[in-house]
Amino acid sequence: MSALYESGPNGLMVFLVLTVLLGGAAAWSTGRAIAETWKPYWQLVWYVLLLAAAVRFIHFGLFEEPLLAPGNYLVSLSVLAVCAAVGHRVTRMRQLAYQYGWEKQNG
């Protein structure tokens, strides 16, 4: 993880708590919000880019990790994108099952 992701002495724990736990929860909520308002999926991309920048700023502000490290941003972006996409997909599938529940396959 040190080759791609630059961090301090508690890097793994900080990454897990800030990026995966807190940032992932925010990304999941963002994906749900986009799906619940029936907005197109591509709008989720812009929100995840901004959310990844905010998570990187929190890493910089609280734990003095590098702010403008492209590897760190890409790792955070990929984790948050996966969380947001899963949150969007789960919510959209729930919506479709509710709205089109009467149309069941005869099998």
C-alpha atoms as a PDB file:
ATOM      1  CA  MET A   1       0.000   0.000   0.000  1.00  0.00           C
ATOM      2  CA  SER A   2       2.939   2.339   0.488  1.00  0.00           C
ATOM      3  CA  ALA A   3       3.876   2.316  -3.221  1.00  0.00           C
ATOM      4  CA  LEU A   4       0.549   3.779  -4.325  1.00  0.00           C
ATOM      5  CA  TYR A   5      -0.728   5.404  -1.155  1.00  0.00           C
ATOM      6  CA  GLU A   6       1.418   7.831   0.854  1.00  0.00           C
ATOM      7  CA  SER A   7       0.476   8.044   4.524  1.00  0.00           C
ATOM      8  CA  GLY A   8       1.698   8.690   8.035  1.00  0.00           C
ATOM      9  CA  PRO A   9       2.494   6.248  10.835  1.00  0.00           C
ATOM     10  CA  ASN A  10      -1.137   5.157  11.348  1.00  0.00           C
ATOM     11  CA  GLY A  11      -1.922   5.161   7.642  1.00  0.00           C
ATOM     12  CA  LEU A  12      -3.929   1.963   7.380  1.00  0.00           C
ATOM     13  CA  MET A  13      -6.174   2.740  10.347  1.00  0.00           C
ATOM     14  CA  VAL A  14      -6.743   6.320   9.179  1.00  0.00           C
ATOM     15  CA  PHE A  15      -7.535   5.081   5.671  1.00  0.00           C
ATOM     16  CA  LEU A  16      -9.998   2.494   6.957  1.00  0.00           C
ATOM     17  CA  VAL A  17     -11.805   4.880   9.283  1.00  0.00           C
ATOM     18  CA  LEU A  18     -11.889   8.034   7.144  1.00  0.00           C
ATOM     19  CA  THR A  19     -12.057   6.741   3.607  1.00  0.00           C
ATOM     20  CA  VAL A  20     -13.736   3.373   3.899  1.00  0.00           C
ATOM     21  CA  LEU A  21     -16.043   3.881   6.875  1.00  0.00           C
ATOM     22  CA  LEU A  22     -16.966   7.588   6.879  1.00  0.00           C
ATOM     23  CA  GLY A  23     -16.371   8.363   3.209  1.00  0.00           C
ATOM     24  CA  GLY A  24     -18.005   5.094   2.165  1.00  0.00           C
ATOM     25  CA  ALA A  25     -21.096   5.905   4.212  1.00  0.00           C
ATOM     26  CA  ALA A  26     -21.283   9.352   2.627  1.00  0.00           C
ATOM     27  CA  ALA A  27     -20.826   7.856  -0.841  1.00  0.00           C
ATOM     28  CA  TRP A  28     -23.512   5.226  -0.160  1.00  0.00           C
ATOM     29  CA  SER A  29     -25.894   8.013   0.912  1.00  0.00           C
ATOM     30  CA  THR A  30     -25.013  10.017  -2.181  1.00  0.00           C
ATOM     31  CA  GLY A  31     -25.758   7.040  -4.412  1.00  0.00           C
ATOM     32  CA  ARG A  32     -29.067   6.492  -2.627  1.00  0.00           C
ATOM     33  CA  ALA A  33     -30.026  10.154  -2.965  1.00  0.00           C
ATOM     34  CA  ILE A  34     -29.337  10.175  -6.709  1.00  0.00           C
ATOM     35  CA  ALA A  35     -31.350   6.975  -7.160  1.00  0.00           C
ATOM     36  CA  GLU A  36     -34.269   8.110  -4.978  1.00  0.00           C
ATOM     37  CA  THR A  37     -34.725  11.285  -7.011  1.00  0.00           C
ATOM     38  CA  TRP A  38     -34.575   9.279 -10.281  1.00  0.00           C
ATOM     39  CA  LYS A  39     -31.687  11.360 -11.575  1.00  0.00           C
ATOM     40  CA  PRO A  40     -29.432   9.839 -14.237  1.00  0.00           C
ATOM     41  CA  TYR A  41     -26.457   7.765 -13.138  1.00  0.00           C
ATOM     42  CA  TRP A  42     -23.864  10.074 -14.706  1.00  0.00           C
ATOM     43  CA  GLN A  43     -24.670  12.775 -12.139  1.00  0.00           C
ATOM     44  CA  LEU A  44     -23.274  10.474  -9.476  1.00  0.00           C
ATOM     45  CA  VAL A  45     -19.820  10.819 -11.040  1.00  0.00           C
ATOM     46  CA  TRP A  46     -19.564  14.539 -10.255  1.00  0.00           C
ATOM     47  CA  TYR A  47     -20.645  14.070  -6.671  1.00  0.00           C
ATOM     48  CA  VAL A  48     -18.151  11.268  -6.099  1.00  0.00           C
ATOM     49  CA  LEU A  49     -15.313  13.388  -7.523  1.00  0.00           C
ATOM     50  CA  LEU A  50     -16.159  16.171  -5.074  1.00  0.00           C
ATOM     51  CA  LEU A  51     -16.588  13.753  -2.192  1.00  0.00           C
ATOM     52  CA  ALA A  52     -13.179  12.206  -2.859  1.00  0.00           C
ATOM     53  CA  ALA A  53     -11.606  15.664  -2.797  1.00  0.00           C
ATOM     54  CA  ALA A  54     -13.323  16.386   0.525  1.00  0.00           C
ATOM     55  CA  VAL A  55     -12.106  13.109   2.021  1.00  0.00           C
ATOM     56  CA  ARG A  56      -8.559  13.867   0.871  1.00  0.00           C
ATOM     57  CA  PHE A  57      -8.803  17.312   2.462  1.00  0.00           C
ATOM     58  CA  ILE A  58      -9.847  15.747   5.774  1.00  0.00           C
ATOM     59  CA  HIS A  59      -6.853  13.407   5.548  1.00  0.00           C
ATOM     60  CA  PHE A  60      -4.651  16.455   4.954  1.00  0.00           C
ATOM     61  CA  GLY A  61      -6.210  18.632   7.629  1.00  0.00           C
ATOM     62  CA  LEU A  62      -6.382  16.127  10.456  1.00  0.00           C
ATOM     63  CA  PHE A  63      -3.504  13.747   9.838  1.00  0.00           C
ATOM     64  CA  GLU A  64      -1.082  15.828   7.738  1.00  0.00           C
ATOM     65  CA  GLU A  65      -1.139  13.430   4.819  1.00  0.00           C
ATOM     66  CA  PRO A  66      -0.204  14.833   1.390  1.00  0.00           C
ATOM     67  CA  LEU A  67      -3.041  16.808  -0.150  1.00  0.00           C
ATOM     68  CA  LEU A  68      -2.069  16.743  -3.809  1.00  0.00           C
ATOM     69  CA  ALA A  69      -0.955  13.130  -4.170  1.00  0.00           C
ATOM     70  CA  PRO A  70      -2.612  11.637  -7.277  1.00  0.00           C
ATOM     71  CA  GLY A  71      -2.241   8.054  -6.041  1.00  0.00           C
ATOM     72  CA  ASN A  72      -4.025   8.832  -2.785  1.00  0.00           C
ATOM     73  CA  TYR A  73      -6.830  10.607  -4.633  1.00  0.00           C
ATOM     74  CA  LEU A  74      -7.300   7.714  -7.061  1.00  0.00           C
ATOM     75  CA  VAL A  75      -7.447   5.150  -4.259  1.00  0.00           C
ATOM     76  CA  SER A  76      -9.996   7.240  -2.359  1.00  0.00           C
ATOM     77  CA  LEU A  77     -11.948   7.881  -5.545  1.00  0.00           C
ATOM     78  CA  SER A  78     -12.142   4.204  -6.415  1.00  0.00           C
ATOM     79  CA  VAL A  79     -13.301   3.188  -2.933  1.00  0.00           C
ATOM     80  CA  LEU A  80     -15.941   5.920  -2.862  1.00  0.00           C
ATOM     81  CA  ALA A  81     -17.076   5.176  -6.419  1.00  0.00           C
ATOM     82  CA  VAL A  82     -17.693   1.536  -5.551  1.00  0.00           C
ATOM     83  CA  CYS A  83     -19.664   2.465  -2.422  1.00  0.00           C
ATOM     84  CA  ALA A  84     -21.733   5.044  -4.318  1.00  0.00           C
ATOM     85  CA  ALA A  85     -22.427   2.672  -7.206  1.00  0.00           C
ATOM     86  CA  VAL A  86     -23.559  -0.101  -4.873  1.00  0.00           C
ATOM     87  CA  GLY A  87     -25.786   2.290  -2.923  1.00  0.00           C
ATOM     88  CA  HIS A  88     -27.303   3.554  -6.162  1.00  0.00           C
ATOM     89  CA  ARG A  89     -27.842   0.048  -7.523  1.00  0.00           C
ATOM     90  CA  VAL A  90     -29.452  -1.303  -4.352  1.00  0.00           C
ATOM     91  CA  THR A  91     -31.809   1.652  -4.119  1.00  0.00           C
ATOM     92  CA  ARG A  92     -32.718   1.590  -7.801  1.00  0.00           C
ATOM     93  CA  MET A  93     -33.444  -2.156  -7.682  1.00  0.00           C
ATOM     94  CA  ARG A  94     -35.656  -1.632  -4.637  1.00  0.00           C
ATOM     95  CA  GLN A  95     -37.528   1.124  -6.478  1.00  0.00           C
ATOM     96  CA  LEU A  96     -38.025  -1.001  -9.570  1.00  0.00           C
ATOM     97  CA  ALA A  97     -39.176  -4.005  -7.549  1.00  0.00           C
ATOM     98  CA  TYR A  98     -41.737  -1.830  -5.775  1.00  0.00           C
ATOM     99  CA  GLN A  99     -42.956  -0.036  -8.874  1.00  0.00           C
ATOM    100  CA  TYR A 100     -43.070  -3.070 -11.161  1.00  0.00           C
ATOM    101  CA  GLY A 101     -43.778  -5.786  -8.608  1.00  0.00           C
ATOM    102  CA  TRP A 102     -46.992  -6.752 -10.351  1.00  0.00           C
ATOM    103  CA  GLU A 103     -45.058  -7.821 -13.440  1.00  0.00           C
ATOM    104  CA  LYS A 104     -43.601 -11.158 -12.406  1.00  0.00           C
ATOM    105  CA  GLN A 105     -42.022 -13.703 -14.664  1.00  0.00           C
ATOM    106  CA  ASN A 106     -43.920 -16.935 -15.121  1.00  0.00           C
ATOM    107  CA  GLY A 107     -41.360 -19.605 -14.795  1.00  0.00           C
END
